Amino acid sequence: MNSVIKIAFLFASFFSINQSFGQSYLIDKNGTTTFFSDALIEDITATSTSSMGIMDTATHKVAVSILMTSFEFKLSLMQEHFNENYVESEKFPKATFSGQLSTPPDLNQNGQQEMQVKGKLSIHGKTKPLEAKITFNISDHQIEAQTTFNVALEDFDIEIPQIMFNKIAEVVKVTSTFSFKK
């Protein structure tokens, strides 16, 4: 529970600091994050539609927070095993990312813009550096940000039982999409 309080405090501090200095930020509390495990016997997909994404438009810093229990699977047994046996959601309730965009997107220029984001990804109590491409699709009223990257389960001490090696990939593909209103 302490990690939940720390993350909530971090986000509250982030908002307070930005507001006190007049900086603006964009937030989406209903972002979509999907992970895909391409294994020999069975492909596994899970989706969360309550990922929180924040972008500070002045500093170009980004932050993401996802409750692990918010991922939905096609079978409830998969969801139960994911939360209890693999990511241990009760002990490690969230996955987070905080980072910096390589260059600032021009939020006044409609169209597609690609850049890199570099930061730290935390899952299952472990934090690792992450660098990924992020694509912004900007229109007059909306800014959509999308990124796709791979996560090696062993990097985050997520153990796969021997019997499941053919059913769960050792590296999963993660895709996140956030929509911000201007």
N, C-alpha and C. Protein backbone atom coordinates (compact mmCIF):
# COMPACT_ATOMS: atom_id res chain seq x y z
N MET A 1 0.82 -1.19 0.00
CA MET A 1 0.00 0.00 0.00
C MET A 1 0.87 1.26 0.00
N ASN A 2 2.06 1.17 0.59
CA ASN A 2 2.96 2.33 0.61
C ASN A 2 3.30 2.82 -0.78
N SER A 3 3.50 1.90 -1.73
CA SER A 3 3.85 2.31 -3.09
C SER A 3 2.69 3.07 -3.74
N VAL A 4 1.45 2.70 -3.44
CA VAL A 4 0.29 3.41 -3.98
C VAL A 4 0.27 4.83 -3.44
N ILE A 5 0.54 4.99 -2.14
CA ILE A 5 0.55 6.31 -1.53
C ILE A 5 1.67 7.16 -2.12
N LYS A 6 2.84 6.56 -2.32
CA LYS A 6 3.97 7.30 -2.88
C LYS A 6 3.67 7.77 -4.30
N ILE A 7 3.07 6.91 -5.12
CA ILE A 7 2.74 7.27 -6.50
C ILE A 7 1.67 8.37 -6.51
N ALA A 8 0.66 8.25 -5.64
CA ALA A 8 -0.38 9.28 -5.56
C ALA A 8 0.24 10.61 -5.15
N PHE A 9 1.16 10.57 -4.19
CA PHE A 9 1.84 11.79 -3.76
C PHE A 9 2.67 12.38 -4.90
N LEU A 10 3.36 11.52 -5.65
CA LEU A 10 4.17 11.98 -6.79
C LEU A 10 3.30 12.71 -7.81
N PHE A 11 2.14 12.12 -8.17
CA PHE A 11 1.25 12.76 -9.13
C PHE A 11 0.68 14.06 -8.57
N ALA A 12 0.29 14.07 -7.29
CA ALA A 12 -0.24 15.29 -6.67
C ALA A 12 0.82 16.38 -6.66
N SER A 13 2.05 16.02 -6.34
CA SER A 13 3.14 17.00 -6.35
C SER A 13 3.37 17.53 -7.76
N PHE A 14 3.35 16.63 -8.74
CA PHE A 14 3.55 17.01 -10.14
C PHE A 14 2.52 18.05 -10.55
N PHE A 15 1.23 17.81 -10.19
CA PHE A 15 0.18 18.75 -10.55
C PHE A 15 0.35 20.07 -9.82
N SER A 16 0.66 20.03 -8.52
CA SER A 16 0.80 21.25 -7.73
C SER A 16 1.94 22.12 -8.23
N ILE A 17 3.08 21.52 -8.51
CA ILE A 17 4.23 22.27 -9.00
C ILE A 17 3.90 22.91 -10.34
N ASN A 18 3.29 22.16 -11.23
CA ASN A 18 2.96 22.70 -12.55
C ASN A 18 1.99 23.86 -12.45
N GLN A 19 0.98 23.74 -11.59
CA GLN A 19 -0.01 24.81 -11.48
C GLN A 19 0.60 26.05 -10.84
N SER A 20 1.47 25.87 -9.85
CA SER A 20 2.04 27.02 -9.16
C SER A 20 2.98 27.80 -10.05
N PHE A 21 3.61 27.18 -11.03
CA PHE A 21 4.50 27.89 -11.94
C PHE A 21 3.81 28.26 -13.25
N GLY A 22 2.51 28.02 -13.35
CA GLY A 22 1.78 28.41 -14.54
C GLY A 22 2.01 27.49 -15.73
N GLN A 23 2.63 26.35 -15.53
CA GLN A 23 2.87 25.43 -16.63
C GLN A 23 1.58 24.66 -16.90
N SER A 24 1.44 24.21 -18.12
CA SER A 24 0.25 23.44 -18.44
C SER A 24 0.62 21.99 -18.68
N TYR A 25 -0.33 21.14 -18.46
CA TYR A 25 -0.12 19.73 -18.68
C TYR A 25 -1.37 19.15 -19.33
N LEU A 26 -1.16 18.04 -19.99
CA LEU A 26 -2.25 17.30 -20.62
C LEU A 26 -2.41 16.00 -19.85
N ILE A 27 -3.65 15.56 -19.65
CA ILE A 27 -3.88 14.34 -18.89
C ILE A 27 -4.99 13.52 -19.55
N ASP A 28 -4.80 12.21 -19.56
CA ASP A 28 -5.82 11.27 -20.01
C ASP A 28 -5.89 10.17 -18.96
N LYS A 29 -7.04 10.07 -18.31
CA LYS A 29 -7.24 9.05 -17.27
C LYS A 29 -7.79 7.75 -17.85
N ASN A 30 -8.10 7.75 -19.13
CA ASN A 30 -8.70 6.58 -19.76
C ASN A 30 -7.89 6.11 -20.96
N GLY A 31 -6.57 6.17 -20.84
CA GLY A 31 -5.72 5.68 -21.91
C GLY A 31 -5.84 4.17 -22.05
N THR A 32 -5.44 3.68 -23.20
CA THR A 32 -5.52 2.23 -23.46
C THR A 32 -4.11 1.66 -23.52
N THR A 33 -3.89 0.61 -22.76
CA THR A 33 -2.62 -0.11 -22.80
C THR A 33 -2.93 -1.58 -23.04
N THR A 34 -2.26 -2.14 -24.03
CA THR A 34 -2.45 -3.55 -24.38
C THR A 34 -1.10 -4.24 -24.36
N PHE A 35 -1.09 -5.47 -23.83
CA PHE A 35 0.12 -6.26 -24.01
C PHE A 35 -0.22 -7.53 -24.74
N PHE A 36 0.74 -7.98 -25.53
CA PHE A 36 0.54 -9.14 -26.39
C PHE A 36 1.70 -10.10 -26.19
N SER A 37 1.37 -11.35 -25.87
CA SER A 37 2.35 -12.41 -25.71
C SER A 37 2.18 -13.38 -26.87
N ASP A 38 3.18 -13.42 -27.74
CA ASP A 38 3.16 -14.28 -28.92
C ASP A 38 3.95 -15.54 -28.60
N ALA A 39 3.25 -16.58 -28.16
CA ALA A 39 3.91 -17.82 -27.75
C ALA A 39 3.61 -18.95 -28.72
N LEU A 40 4.33 -20.06 -28.58
CA LEU A 40 4.19 -21.19 -29.49
C LEU A 40 2.79 -21.78 -29.51
N ILE A 41 2.21 -21.99 -28.35
CA ILE A 41 0.92 -22.67 -28.28
C ILE A 41 -0.26 -21.70 -28.30
N GLU A 42 -0.10 -20.56 -27.62
CA GLU A 42 -1.26 -19.68 -27.46
C GLU A 42 -0.81 -18.22 -27.39
N ASP A 43 -1.52 -17.35 -28.11
CA ASP A 43 -1.28 -15.92 -28.00
C ASP A 43 -2.15 -15.39 -26.87
N ILE A 44 -1.60 -14.48 -26.09
CA ILE A 44 -2.34 -13.90 -24.97
C ILE A 44 -2.35 -12.38 -25.14
N THR A 45 -3.54 -11.82 -25.04
CA THR A 45 -3.71 -10.37 -25.12
C THR A 45 -4.50 -9.91 -23.91
N ALA A 46 -4.08 -8.78 -23.34
CA ALA A 46 -4.83 -8.16 -22.24
C ALA A 46 -4.83 -6.66 -22.47
N THR A 47 -5.93 -6.01 -22.07
CA THR A 47 -6.08 -4.58 -22.31
C THR A 47 -6.58 -3.87 -21.07
N SER A 48 -6.00 -2.71 -20.80
CA SER A 48 -6.48 -1.81 -19.76
C SER A 48 -6.97 -0.54 -20.44
N THR A 49 -8.16 -0.10 -20.07
CA THR A 49 -8.69 1.15 -20.63
C THR A 49 -8.74 2.24 -19.55
N SER A 50 -7.91 2.05 -18.52
CA SER A 50 -7.86 3.07 -17.46
C SER A 50 -6.42 3.43 -17.12
N SER A 51 -5.58 3.48 -18.14
CA SER A 51 -4.20 3.92 -17.96
C SER A 51 -4.18 5.43 -17.85
N MET A 52 -3.43 5.96 -16.89
CA MET A 52 -3.33 7.41 -16.73
C MET A 52 -2.04 7.91 -17.37
N GLY A 53 -2.18 8.87 -18.29
CA GLY A 53 -1.01 9.45 -18.94
C GLY A 53 -1.00 10.96 -18.76
N ILE A 54 0.18 11.51 -18.48
CA ILE A 54 0.33 12.95 -18.25
C ILE A 54 1.51 13.44 -19.07
N MET A 55 1.34 14.60 -19.70
CA MET A 55 2.45 15.24 -20.39
C MET A 55 2.51 16.71 -19.97
N ASP A 56 3.66 17.13 -19.48
CA ASP A 56 3.89 18.52 -19.15
C ASP A 56 4.34 19.22 -20.43
N THR A 57 3.52 20.14 -20.93
CA THR A 57 3.83 20.78 -22.22
C THR A 57 4.97 21.77 -22.12
N ALA A 58 5.33 22.19 -20.92
CA ALA A 58 6.43 23.14 -20.77
C ALA A 58 7.79 22.43 -20.69
N THR A 59 7.84 21.32 -19.95
CA THR A 59 9.12 20.62 -19.75
C THR A 59 9.25 19.39 -20.64
N HIS A 60 8.16 18.95 -21.24
CA HIS A 60 8.11 17.78 -22.12
C HIS A 60 8.38 16.49 -21.37
N LYS A 61 8.07 16.49 -20.08
CA LYS A 61 8.15 15.28 -19.28
C LYS A 61 6.83 14.54 -19.41
N VAL A 62 6.90 13.22 -19.33
CA VAL A 62 5.70 12.38 -19.39
C VAL A 62 5.70 11.40 -18.23
N ALA A 63 4.50 11.01 -17.83
CA ALA A 63 4.35 10.01 -16.77
C ALA A 63 3.13 9.17 -17.10
N VAL A 64 3.23 7.88 -16.78
CA VAL A 64 2.14 6.93 -17.01
C VAL A 64 1.99 6.06 -15.77
N SER A 65 0.76 5.75 -15.41
CA SER A 65 0.48 4.86 -14.29
C SER A 65 -0.67 3.93 -14.67
N ILE A 66 -0.48 2.64 -14.41
CA ILE A 66 -1.49 1.64 -14.77
C ILE A 66 -1.69 0.68 -13.61
N LEU A 67 -2.93 0.53 -13.17
CA LEU A 67 -3.24 -0.50 -12.18
C LEU A 67 -3.16 -1.86 -12.86
N MET A 68 -2.40 -2.77 -12.30
CA MET A 68 -2.23 -4.08 -12.92
C MET A 68 -3.55 -4.85 -12.97
N THR A 69 -4.41 -4.64 -11.99
CA THR A 69 -5.70 -5.34 -11.97
C THR A 69 -6.67 -4.80 -13.02
N SER A 70 -6.32 -3.70 -13.69
CA SER A 70 -7.21 -3.15 -14.71
C SER A 70 -7.08 -3.86 -16.06
N PHE A 71 -6.07 -4.73 -16.20
CA PHE A 71 -5.93 -5.48 -17.45
C PHE A 71 -7.02 -6.55 -17.52
N GLU A 72 -7.71 -6.59 -18.66
CA GLU A 72 -8.77 -7.57 -18.87
C GLU A 72 -8.33 -8.56 -19.93
N PHE A 73 -8.58 -9.83 -19.66
CA PHE A 73 -8.23 -10.94 -20.54
C PHE A 73 -9.50 -11.56 -21.08
N LYS A 74 -9.37 -12.36 -22.14
CA LYS A 74 -10.57 -13.01 -22.68
C LYS A 74 -11.08 -14.11 -21.75
N LEU A 75 -10.20 -14.69 -20.94
CA LEU A 75 -10.60 -15.70 -19.97
C LEU A 75 -10.30 -15.22 -18.55
N SER A 76 -11.27 -15.34 -17.66
CA SER A 76 -11.08 -14.87 -16.29
C SER A 76 -9.96 -15.62 -15.57
N LEU A 77 -9.74 -16.88 -15.93
CA LEU A 77 -8.67 -17.65 -15.30
C LEU A 77 -7.30 -17.07 -15.65
N MET A 78 -7.14 -16.60 -16.90
CA MET A 78 -5.89 -15.94 -17.30
C MET A 78 -5.66 -14.69 -16.46
N GLN A 79 -6.72 -13.92 -16.27
CA GLN A 79 -6.62 -12.69 -15.49
C GLN A 79 -6.24 -13.01 -14.05
N GLU A 80 -6.83 -14.03 -13.50
CA GLU A 80 -6.52 -14.45 -12.13
C GLU A 80 -5.05 -14.87 -12.00
N HIS A 81 -4.57 -15.70 -12.93
CA HIS A 81 -3.17 -16.14 -12.89
C HIS A 81 -2.21 -14.97 -13.08
N PHE A 82 -2.54 -14.06 -13.99
CA PHE A 82 -1.72 -12.88 -14.23
C PHE A 82 -1.54 -12.08 -12.93
N ASN A 83 -2.66 -11.80 -12.26
CA ASN A 83 -2.61 -10.97 -11.05
C ASN A 83 -2.02 -11.69 -9.84
N GLU A 84 -2.33 -12.96 -9.67
CA GLU A 84 -1.88 -13.68 -8.48
C GLU A 84 -0.49 -14.29 -8.63
N ASN A 85 -0.21 -14.90 -9.78
CA ASN A 85 1.02 -15.68 -9.93
C ASN A 85 2.17 -14.95 -10.61
N TYR A 86 1.86 -14.06 -11.54
CA TYR A 86 2.93 -13.46 -12.34
C TYR A 86 3.32 -12.06 -11.87
N VAL A 87 2.40 -11.11 -11.91
CA VAL A 87 2.76 -9.74 -11.52
C VAL A 87 2.48 -9.44 -10.05
N GLU A 88 1.84 -10.37 -9.35
CA GLU A 88 1.57 -10.23 -7.92
C GLU A 88 0.97 -8.85 -7.62
N SER A 89 -0.19 -8.60 -8.21
CA SER A 89 -0.83 -7.28 -8.15
C SER A 89 -1.12 -6.79 -6.74
N GLU A 90 -1.34 -7.68 -5.82
CA GLU A 90 -1.59 -7.25 -4.45
C GLU A 90 -0.34 -6.62 -3.84
N LYS A 91 0.81 -7.18 -4.16
CA LYS A 91 2.09 -6.68 -3.64
C LYS A 91 2.63 -5.53 -4.50
N PHE A 92 2.43 -5.60 -5.82
CA PHE A 92 2.92 -4.60 -6.78
C PHE A 92 1.74 -4.12 -7.62
N PRO A 93 0.92 -3.20 -7.09
CA PRO A 93 -0.35 -2.86 -7.74
C PRO A 93 -0.26 -2.07 -9.05
N LYS A 94 0.86 -1.38 -9.29
CA LYS A 94 0.93 -0.51 -10.47
C LYS A 94 2.19 -0.74 -11.27
N ALA A 95 2.07 -0.40 -12.55
CA ALA A 95 3.23 -0.25 -13.43
C ALA A 95 3.30 1.24 -13.72
N THR A 96 4.51 1.81 -13.71
CA THR A 96 4.66 3.23 -13.96
C THR A 96 5.80 3.49 -14.94
N PHE A 97 5.70 4.62 -15.60
CA PHE A 97 6.78 5.09 -16.47
C PHE A 97 6.89 6.59 -16.24
N SER A 98 8.11 7.08 -16.15
CA SER A 98 8.35 8.52 -16.13
C SER A 98 9.54 8.79 -17.02
N GLY A 99 9.40 9.83 -17.85
CA GLY A 99 10.47 10.10 -18.79
C GLY A 99 10.38 11.46 -19.42
N GLN A 100 11.23 11.65 -20.41
CA GLN A 100 11.39 12.93 -21.09
C GLN A 100 11.35 12.70 -22.59
N LEU A 101 10.64 13.54 -23.30
CA LEU A 101 10.63 13.49 -24.76
C LEU A 101 11.96 14.03 -25.29
N SER A 102 12.48 13.43 -26.36
CA SER A 102 13.76 13.86 -26.93
C SER A 102 13.68 15.26 -27.52
N THR A 103 12.57 15.57 -28.14
CA THR A 103 12.31 16.91 -28.69
C THR A 103 10.85 17.24 -28.39
N PRO A 104 10.53 18.50 -28.26
CA PRO A 104 9.13 18.84 -27.98
C PRO A 104 8.26 18.72 -29.22
N PRO A 105 7.07 18.15 -29.07
CA PRO A 105 6.17 18.13 -30.22
C PRO A 105 5.60 19.54 -30.43
N ASP A 106 5.35 19.89 -31.67
CA ASP A 106 4.70 21.17 -31.97
C ASP A 106 3.20 20.93 -31.90
N LEU A 107 2.61 21.28 -30.78
CA LEU A 107 1.20 20.98 -30.54
C LEU A 107 0.25 21.87 -31.36
N ASN A 108 0.80 22.86 -32.03
CA ASN A 108 -0.01 23.73 -32.88
C ASN A 108 0.04 23.31 -34.34
N GLN A 109 0.85 22.34 -34.67
CA GLN A 109 1.01 21.86 -36.04
C GLN A 109 0.25 20.55 -36.23
N ASN A 110 -0.83 20.57 -36.99
CA ASN A 110 -1.60 19.35 -37.24
C ASN A 110 -0.78 18.35 -38.04
N GLY A 111 -1.02 17.07 -37.77
CA GLY A 111 -0.33 16.01 -38.50
C GLY A 111 0.38 15.07 -37.55
N GLN A 112 1.21 14.23 -38.12
CA GLN A 112 1.92 13.20 -37.36
C GLN A 112 3.36 13.65 -37.07
N GLN A 113 3.79 13.45 -35.83
CA GLN A 113 5.15 13.77 -35.42
C GLN A 113 5.71 12.60 -34.62
N GLU A 114 6.93 12.18 -34.95
CA GLU A 114 7.56 11.07 -34.24
C GLU A 114 8.80 11.56 -33.50
N MET A 115 8.99 11.01 -32.32
CA MET A 115 10.17 11.34 -31.52
C MET A 115 10.44 10.20 -30.55
N GLN A 116 11.47 10.33 -29.79
CA GLN A 116 11.84 9.32 -28.79
C GLN A 116 11.43 9.81 -27.41
N VAL A 117 11.13 8.87 -26.54
CA VAL A 117 10.92 9.15 -25.13
C VAL A 117 11.89 8.25 -24.38
N LYS A 118 12.53 8.81 -23.38
CA LYS A 118 13.53 8.07 -22.61
C LYS A 118 13.22 8.26 -21.14
N GLY A 119 13.20 7.14 -20.41
CA GLY A 119 12.87 7.24 -19.00
C GLY A 119 13.05 5.93 -18.28
N LYS A 120 12.22 5.74 -17.23
CA LYS A 120 12.31 4.55 -16.39
C LYS A 120 10.95 3.89 -16.28
N LEU A 121 10.95 2.58 -16.52
CA LEU A 121 9.75 1.76 -16.43
C LEU A 121 9.84 0.93 -15.16
N SER A 122 8.78 0.95 -14.36
CA SER A 122 8.73 0.16 -13.12
C SER A 122 7.58 -0.83 -13.19
N ILE A 123 7.91 -2.09 -13.04
CA ILE A 123 6.93 -3.18 -13.02
C ILE A 123 7.40 -4.20 -11.99
N HIS A 124 6.48 -4.73 -11.19
CA HIS A 124 6.79 -5.85 -10.30
C HIS A 124 7.92 -5.50 -9.33
N GLY A 125 7.97 -4.23 -8.92
CA GLY A 125 8.97 -3.81 -7.95
C GLY A 125 10.36 -3.56 -8.52
N LYS A 126 10.52 -3.66 -9.81
CA LYS A 126 11.82 -3.43 -10.47
C LYS A 126 11.70 -2.23 -11.39
N THR A 127 12.77 -1.46 -11.49
CA THR A 127 12.81 -0.29 -12.36
C THR A 127 13.96 -0.45 -13.34
N LYS A 128 13.65 -0.25 -14.62
CA LYS A 128 14.65 -0.39 -15.68
C LYS A 128 14.53 0.80 -16.64
N PRO A 129 15.65 1.17 -17.27
CA PRO A 129 15.57 2.24 -18.28
C PRO A 129 14.77 1.76 -19.50
N LEU A 130 14.09 2.69 -20.12
CA LEU A 130 13.31 2.38 -21.33
C LEU A 130 13.42 3.55 -22.29
N GLU A 131 13.70 3.23 -23.54
CA GLU A 131 13.68 4.22 -24.60
C GLU A 131 12.78 3.67 -25.69
N ALA A 132 11.84 4.49 -26.15
CA ALA A 132 10.88 4.02 -27.16
C ALA A 132 10.50 5.17 -28.08
N LYS A 133 10.00 4.79 -29.25
CA LYS A 133 9.46 5.77 -30.20
C LYS A 133 8.05 6.12 -29.75
N ILE A 134 7.72 7.39 -29.86
CA ILE A 134 6.36 7.84 -29.56
C ILE A 134 5.87 8.65 -30.77
N THR A 135 4.64 8.37 -31.16
CA THR A 135 4.05 9.06 -32.31
C THR A 135 2.89 9.92 -31.83
N PHE A 136 2.93 11.19 -32.21
CA PHE A 136 1.85 12.11 -31.90
C PHE A 136 1.06 12.36 -33.17
N ASN A 137 -0.27 12.23 -33.09
CA ASN A 137 -1.19 12.62 -34.16
C ASN A 137 -1.97 13.80 -33.62
N ILE A 138 -1.73 14.95 -34.23
CA ILE A 138 -2.28 16.20 -33.71
C ILE A 138 -3.33 16.75 -34.67
N SER A 139 -4.48 17.13 -34.11
CA SER A 139 -5.53 17.78 -34.88
C SER A 139 -5.90 19.07 -34.16
N ASP A 140 -6.88 19.78 -34.67
CA ASP A 140 -7.27 21.06 -34.08
C ASP A 140 -7.74 20.92 -32.63
N HIS A 141 -8.35 19.79 -32.30
CA HIS A 141 -8.96 19.65 -30.99
C HIS A 141 -8.37 18.54 -30.13
N GLN A 142 -7.49 17.72 -30.69
CA GLN A 142 -7.03 16.55 -29.96
C GLN A 142 -5.58 16.23 -30.27
N ILE A 143 -4.92 15.67 -29.28
CA ILE A 143 -3.55 15.18 -29.42
C ILE A 143 -3.56 13.72 -29.00
N GLU A 144 -3.20 12.85 -29.93
CA GLU A 144 -3.12 11.42 -29.61
C GLU A 144 -1.65 11.03 -29.57
N ALA A 145 -1.26 10.33 -28.52
CA ALA A 145 0.11 9.85 -28.38
C ALA A 145 0.08 8.32 -28.32
N GLN A 146 0.95 7.68 -29.11
CA GLN A 146 0.99 6.21 -29.11
C GLN A 146 2.44 5.74 -29.11
N THR A 147 2.69 4.69 -28.33
CA THR A 147 4.01 4.09 -28.28
C THR A 147 3.88 2.58 -28.20
N THR A 148 4.85 1.89 -28.76
CA THR A 148 4.92 0.43 -28.69
C THR A 148 6.36 0.06 -28.34
N PHE A 149 6.50 -0.85 -27.39
CA PHE A 149 7.83 -1.30 -26.97
C PHE A 149 7.73 -2.72 -26.43
N ASN A 150 8.87 -3.37 -26.29
CA ASN A 150 8.92 -4.74 -25.77
C ASN A 150 9.39 -4.75 -24.32
N VAL A 151 8.84 -5.69 -23.57
CA VAL A 151 9.23 -5.88 -22.17
C VAL A 151 9.65 -7.33 -21.99
N ALA A 152 10.90 -7.51 -21.56
CA ALA A 152 11.40 -8.85 -21.23
C ALA A 152 10.99 -9.16 -19.79
N LEU A 153 10.21 -10.21 -19.60
CA LEU A 153 9.68 -10.52 -18.27
C LEU A 153 10.78 -10.76 -17.24
N GLU A 154 11.87 -11.39 -17.64
CA GLU A 154 12.94 -11.67 -16.69
C GLU A 154 13.60 -10.38 -16.18
N ASP A 155 13.56 -9.29 -16.96
CA ASP A 155 14.11 -8.01 -16.50
C ASP A 155 13.37 -7.49 -15.27
N PHE A 156 12.14 -7.90 -15.11
CA PHE A 156 11.31 -7.44 -13.99
C PHE A 156 11.00 -8.57 -13.01
N ASP A 157 11.81 -9.60 -13.04
CA ASP A 157 11.67 -10.76 -12.13
C ASP A 157 10.28 -11.37 -12.15
N ILE A 158 9.67 -11.40 -13.33
CA ILE A 158 8.39 -12.07 -13.50
C ILE A 158 8.70 -13.48 -13.98
N GLU A 159 8.47 -14.43 -13.12
CA GLU A 159 8.84 -15.81 -13.40
C GLU A 159 7.73 -16.55 -14.14
N ILE A 160 8.13 -17.35 -15.11
CA ILE A 160 7.20 -18.18 -15.86
C ILE A 160 7.47 -19.63 -15.45
N PRO A 161 6.47 -20.32 -14.90
CA PRO A 161 6.69 -21.72 -14.53
C PRO A 161 7.09 -22.56 -15.75
N GLN A 162 7.91 -23.55 -15.54
CA GLN A 162 8.41 -24.42 -16.61
C GLN A 162 7.27 -24.95 -17.50
N ILE A 163 6.18 -25.33 -16.88
CA ILE A 163 5.06 -25.90 -17.61
C ILE A 163 4.40 -24.89 -18.55
N MET A 164 4.62 -23.57 -18.33
CA MET A 164 3.97 -22.52 -19.12
C MET A 164 4.87 -21.93 -20.19
N PHE A 165 6.12 -22.39 -20.33
CA PHE A 165 7.06 -21.80 -21.29
C PHE A 165 6.53 -21.76 -22.72
N ASN A 166 5.76 -22.75 -23.12
CA ASN A 166 5.22 -22.76 -24.49
C ASN A 166 3.97 -21.90 -24.65
N LYS A 167 3.40 -21.45 -23.52
CA LYS A 167 2.16 -20.68 -23.57
C LYS A 167 2.37 -19.19 -23.34
N ILE A 168 3.48 -18.82 -22.72
CA ILE A 168 3.73 -17.41 -22.42
C ILE A 168 5.09 -17.02 -22.98
N ALA A 169 5.10 -15.95 -23.76
CA ALA A 169 6.35 -15.48 -24.35
C ALA A 169 7.23 -14.84 -23.28
N GLU A 170 8.53 -14.93 -23.46
CA GLU A 170 9.47 -14.33 -22.51
C GLU A 170 9.55 -12.81 -22.70
N VAL A 171 9.16 -12.34 -23.88
CA VAL A 171 9.12 -10.91 -24.17
C VAL A 171 7.71 -10.60 -24.67
N VAL A 172 7.08 -9.58 -24.06
CA VAL A 172 5.74 -9.19 -24.47
C VAL A 172 5.78 -7.81 -25.12
N LYS A 173 4.89 -7.61 -26.07
CA LYS A 173 4.79 -6.32 -26.77
C LYS A 173 3.73 -5.48 -26.08
N VAL A 174 4.10 -4.25 -25.72
CA VAL A 174 3.19 -3.34 -25.02
C VAL A 174 2.90 -2.15 -25.93
N THR A 175 1.62 -1.80 -26.04
CA THR A 175 1.20 -0.64 -26.83
C THR A 175 0.32 0.23 -25.94
N SER A 176 0.64 1.51 -25.87
CA SER A 176 -0.16 2.47 -25.10
C SER A 176 -0.60 3.60 -26.00
N THR A 177 -1.86 4.01 -25.83
CA THR A 177 -2.41 5.12 -26.59
C THR A 177 -3.15 6.06 -25.62
N PHE A 178 -2.83 7.35 -25.75
CA PHE A 178 -3.47 8.37 -24.91
C PHE A 178 -4.04 9.46 -25.81
N SER A 179 -5.23 9.95 -25.47
CA SER A 179 -5.86 11.04 -26.21
C SER A 179 -6.04 12.22 -25.28
N PHE A 180 -5.48 13.35 -25.68
CA PHE A 180 -5.55 14.56 -24.89
C PHE A 180 -6.36 15.60 -25.66
N LYS A 181 -7.21 16.33 -24.94
CA LYS A 181 -7.96 17.43 -25.57
C LYS A 181 -7.13 18.70 -25.43
N LYS A 182 -7.14 19.51 -26.50
CA LYS A 182 -6.40 20.79 -26.46
C LYS A 182 -7.15 21.79 -25.60
